[in-house]
Amino acid sequence: MFDYNKLRGRIREKVGTENDFAKAIGMGRSSLSQKLNNRVEFSQNEIKNAVVVLEIEDKDIPDYFFAAKV
């Protein structure tokens, strides 16, 4: 399981709402919710799109998408 708290913060900072973020990356709100709640994994394409929208540097991707939940 992954900890998406940092990703949620970045979404609020750069886009505003999770709903607006989901639209920006071409995903439904419920699909995003499932991913952020560790029910479904993010695909590589979804991560790629999110990185562009959220202006995340490549070196920081693991901090946002692969931080282990403790």
Protein backbone atom coordinates (compact mmCIF):
# COMPACT_ATOMS: atom_id res chain seq x y z
CA MET A 1 0.00 0.00 0.00
CA PHE A 2 1.15 3.50 -0.81
CA ASP A 3 0.82 6.78 1.08
CA TYR A 4 -0.68 9.40 -1.23
CA ASN A 5 -0.80 12.29 1.28
CA LYS A 6 1.97 14.16 -0.50
CA LEU A 7 0.22 13.64 -3.84
CA ARG A 8 -3.08 14.90 -2.40
CA GLY A 9 -1.31 18.02 -1.14
CA ARG A 10 0.25 18.65 -4.54
CA ILE A 11 -3.15 18.25 -6.20
CA ARG A 12 -4.63 20.90 -3.87
CA GLU A 13 -1.64 23.18 -4.45
CA LYS A 14 -1.53 22.96 -8.25
CA VAL A 15 -5.10 22.18 -9.35
CA GLY A 16 -7.43 22.84 -6.43
CA THR A 17 -9.73 19.85 -6.15
CA GLU A 18 -9.33 16.15 -6.79
CA ASN A 19 -12.30 16.39 -9.16
CA ASP A 20 -10.54 19.07 -11.26
CA PHE A 21 -7.36 17.00 -11.20
CA ALA A 22 -9.20 13.89 -12.39
CA LYS A 23 -10.64 15.87 -15.31
CA ALA A 24 -7.22 17.33 -16.13
CA ILE A 25 -5.68 13.88 -16.51
CA GLY A 26 -8.69 12.38 -18.30
CA MET A 27 -9.95 10.23 -15.45
CA GLY A 28 -13.27 9.97 -13.65
CA ARG A 29 -13.52 11.17 -10.05
CA SER A 30 -14.44 7.72 -8.75
CA SER A 31 -11.46 6.15 -10.56
CA LEU A 32 -9.12 8.67 -8.95
CA SER A 33 -10.68 8.01 -5.55
CA GLN A 34 -10.07 4.26 -5.93
CA LYS A 35 -6.42 4.91 -6.77
CA LEU A 36 -5.85 7.37 -3.92
CA ASN A 37 -7.45 4.89 -1.51
CA ASN A 38 -5.21 1.99 -2.66
CA ARG A 39 -8.04 -0.01 -4.21
CA VAL A 40 -6.61 0.22 -7.75
CA GLU A 41 -3.05 1.03 -8.85
CA PHE A 42 -2.09 4.01 -11.02
CA SER A 43 -1.05 3.00 -14.54
CA GLN A 44 2.20 4.28 -16.01
CA ASN A 45 0.26 6.55 -18.39
CA GLU A 46 -1.78 7.98 -15.51
CA ILE A 47 1.40 8.73 -13.58
CA LYS A 48 2.92 10.32 -16.68
CA ASN A 49 -0.14 12.56 -17.15
CA ALA A 50 -0.24 13.47 -13.46
CA VAL A 51 3.45 14.42 -13.46
CA VAL A 52 2.83 16.87 -16.31
CA VAL A 53 -0.27 18.44 -14.76
CA LEU A 54 1.26 18.67 -11.28
CA GLU A 55 4.69 19.78 -12.54
CA ILE A 56 6.51 17.04 -10.64
CA GLU A 57 10.16 16.50 -11.50
CA ASP A 58 11.12 12.99 -12.59
CA LYS A 59 13.41 12.54 -9.60
CA ASP A 60 10.48 13.24 -7.25
CA ILE A 61 8.01 10.74 -8.75
CA PRO A 62 8.77 8.04 -6.14
CA ASP A 63 7.95 10.48 -3.32
CA TYR A 64 4.47 11.07 -4.74
CA PHE A 65 3.51 7.68 -6.14
CA PHE A 66 5.57 5.03 -4.35
CA ALA A 67 5.93 6.13 -0.73
CA ALA A 68 5.15 3.15 1.47
CA LYS A 69 2.26 3.52 3.89
CA VAL A 70 3.51 2.87 7.40
